[in-house]
Protein backbone atom coordinates (compact mmCIF):
# COMPACT_ATOMS: atom_id res chain seq x y z
CA MET A 1 -0.18 -0.51 -0.24
CA SER A 2 1.48 3.24 -1.10
CA ILE A 3 1.46 6.37 1.44
CA GLY A 4 -0.51 8.14 -0.65
CA ASN A 5 -3.35 5.56 -0.60
CA SER A 6 -2.45 4.81 3.87
CA PHE A 7 -2.86 8.47 4.75
CA SER A 8 -6.65 8.65 1.91
CA LYS A 9 -7.71 5.85 3.95
CA THR A 10 -6.39 6.92 7.37
CA VAL A 11 -8.12 10.38 7.18
CA ASP A 12 -11.40 8.77 5.96
CA VAL A 13 -11.58 6.48 8.52
CA ILE A 14 -11.23 9.55 10.70
CA HIS A 15 -13.80 11.66 9.02
CA ARG A 16 -16.25 8.70 8.92
CA ALA A 17 -15.83 8.28 12.95
CA MET A 18 -16.42 11.93 14.22
CA ASP A 19 -19.32 11.63 11.75
CA ALA A 20 -20.65 9.13 13.73
CA ASN A 21 -19.34 10.92 16.61
CA LEU A 22 -22.04 13.68 15.39
CA ILE A 23 -24.94 11.61 15.03
CA ARG A 24 -24.43 9.86 18.72
CA ARG A 25 -24.40 13.39 19.79
CA ASP A 26 -27.61 14.09 18.64
CA VAL A 27 -29.08 11.05 20.02
CA ILE A 28 -27.46 11.55 23.64
CA ALA A 29 -29.02 15.05 23.12
CA ASN A 30 -32.20 13.28 22.47
CA ASN A 31 -32.06 10.93 25.12
CA LEU A 32 -31.28 13.32 27.58
CA ALA A 33 -34.29 15.78 26.49
CA ASN A 34 -37.10 12.76 26.75
CA ALA A 35 -36.38 11.76 29.96
CA GLY A 36 -39.32 12.33 31.77
CA VAL A 37 -41.21 11.17 29.20
CA PRO A 38 -43.02 8.11 30.26
CA ASN A 39 -42.69 4.74 28.22
CA PHE A 40 -39.70 6.66 26.05
CA LYS A 41 -36.96 4.39 25.18
CA ARG A 42 -33.75 5.10 24.67
CA SER A 43 -31.00 4.71 21.90
CA GLN A 44 -27.62 4.80 20.55
CA VAL A 45 -25.64 4.31 18.02
CA ASN A 46 -23.56 1.34 16.65
CA PHE A 47 -20.57 1.89 14.82
CA GLU A 48 -17.44 1.89 15.94
CA SER A 49 -17.77 -2.49 16.18
CA GLU A 50 -18.54 -2.57 12.93
CA LEU A 51 -15.91 -0.75 11.37
CA LYS A 52 -13.17 -2.45 13.51
CA ARG A 53 -15.07 -5.75 12.10
CA ALA A 54 -14.68 -4.70 8.20
CA LEU A 55 -11.27 -3.58 8.95
CA GLU A 56 -9.51 -6.63 10.36
CA THR A 57 -11.49 -8.54 7.22
CA GLU A 58 -9.23 -6.88 5.24
CA LYS A 59 -6.08 -7.96 7.65
CA GLU A 60 -6.95 -11.97 8.11
CA ARG A 61 -7.74 -14.58 5.52
CA PRO A 62 -8.33 -17.90 6.83
CA PRO A 63 -6.48 -20.76 7.49
CA LEU A 64 -8.18 -22.48 4.27
CA GLU A 65 -10.28 -20.08 2.04
CA LEU A 66 -12.61 -22.79 0.08
CA THR A 67 -12.55 -22.81 -3.81
CA LEU A 68 -16.17 -21.62 -5.51
CA THR A 69 -17.12 -23.60 -8.26
CA ASN A 70 -20.67 -22.40 -8.63
CA SER A 71 -22.17 -19.47 -8.25
CA ARG A 72 -24.46 -20.52 -5.60
CA HIS A 73 -21.80 -21.85 -3.65
CA ILE A 74 -21.45 -19.89 -0.09
CA PRO A 75 -17.84 -18.59 0.18
CA ASN A 76 -16.60 -19.15 3.85
CA TRP A 77 -14.56 -15.29 3.75
CA ARG A 78 -15.73 -12.24 1.75
CA GLU A 79 -13.87 -9.28 2.11
CA ARG A 80 -15.55 -6.31 3.97
CA ASP A 81 -14.95 -2.79 2.06
CA TYR A 82 -15.01 -0.08 5.40
CA ARG A 83 -16.54 2.25 3.29
CA ASP A 84 -19.98 -0.05 2.98
CA VAL A 85 -20.12 0.84 7.34
CA GLN A 86 -23.04 2.50 8.33
CA VAL A 87 -23.86 4.50 11.11
CA ARG A 88 -26.64 2.33 12.94
CA ARG A 89 -29.26 4.08 15.69
CA VAL A 90 -30.27 1.05 17.90
CA LEU A 91 -33.14 1.41 19.79
CA ASP A 92 -32.96 -0.10 23.53
CA TYR A 93 -36.17 -1.97 23.69
CA THR A 94 -35.03 -4.46 27.10
CA THR A 95 -34.34 -2.20 30.34
CA THR A 96 -36.17 0.01 32.28
CA ALA A 97 -34.74 2.24 34.65
CA LYS A 98 -37.74 3.91 36.28
CA ASN A 99 -40.91 3.09 37.11
CA ASN A 100 -42.45 4.82 34.87
CA GLY A 101 -41.34 2.35 32.16
CA ASN A 102 -38.61 4.51 30.70
CA ASN A 103 -34.65 3.74 30.99
CA VAL A 104 -32.88 6.40 29.87
CA ASP A 105 -30.29 7.43 33.02
CA PRO A 106 -29.66 10.92 33.14
CA GLU A 107 -26.00 10.38 35.10
CA GLN A 108 -24.87 7.98 32.37
CA GLU A 109 -26.03 9.91 28.72
CA LEU A 110 -23.94 12.94 30.30
CA THR A 111 -20.80 10.60 30.72
CA MET A 112 -21.57 9.30 27.63
CA ALA A 113 -21.89 12.71 26.38
CA MET A 114 -18.19 14.21 27.62
CA GLU A 115 -16.62 10.50 26.59
CA ASN A 116 -18.03 11.54 22.83
CA GLN A 117 -17.21 15.07 23.11
CA LEU A 118 -12.95 13.68 24.24
CA MET A 119 -12.94 11.21 21.47
CA TYR A 120 -14.47 13.93 18.60
CA THR A 121 -12.02 16.37 20.14
CA LEU A 122 -9.23 13.02 19.64
CA LEU A 123 -9.92 12.69 16.12
CA ALA A 124 -9.77 16.01 15.42
CA GLN A 125 -6.10 16.52 16.53
CA ALA A 126 -5.85 12.84 14.51
CA GLU A 127 -6.82 14.45 11.28
CA THR A 128 -4.26 17.69 12.27
CA PHE A 129 -1.49 15.36 12.89
CA GLU A 130 -2.05 13.32 9.86
CA PHE A 131 -2.00 16.68 7.91
CA SER A 132 0.93 17.92 9.75
CA GLN A 133 2.82 15.30 8.67
CA ILE A 134 1.79 15.76 5.10
CA ASN A 135 2.61 19.57 5.43
CA LEU A 136 6.27 18.68 6.66
CA VAL A 137 7.06 16.65 3.79
CA LEU A 138 5.92 18.70 1.04
CA ARG A 139 7.92 21.30 3.29
C-alpha cells in the first residue's frame, strides 16, 4: 500500500468516525430531552464495532479458503469494505430504569456525552496530525 493510499484511508476513517460522533451527540441529546417522558426508550449508536470488523477482514484471511465452483456456493470468507459500514441507531427496549417505563439514566447519558466529546476532540487532533505530517513532507 502506498503512502497516498494509507493517508487517504486514514483520513477517511477519521472522517467517518467524526460523523458517527456527531450523530451520537444528537442521539444522546434526544435521550436527555426525553428523560422524563413515560415509556420512552433510549437509543444508542453502533458504528465503531462494525468498522473494526470491516477493517479486520482486510488483514485476516482464513487458513483455508474454499474454492467456489458454482455461483450458488457460499464463500467461507468475504472481504468487507470499510466504506460500506453505516452508522446505526439502535433502540434499547429491553431495559427499564424507572417505574414509568422510561429507561434513560441522565447521569449515564451525561457521562456518554463527555466521552463522545473527548473522542471527537481526539479524532480532530489525529486528523490535524495526519495533515501536519503531509505538510512536513511538502516543506
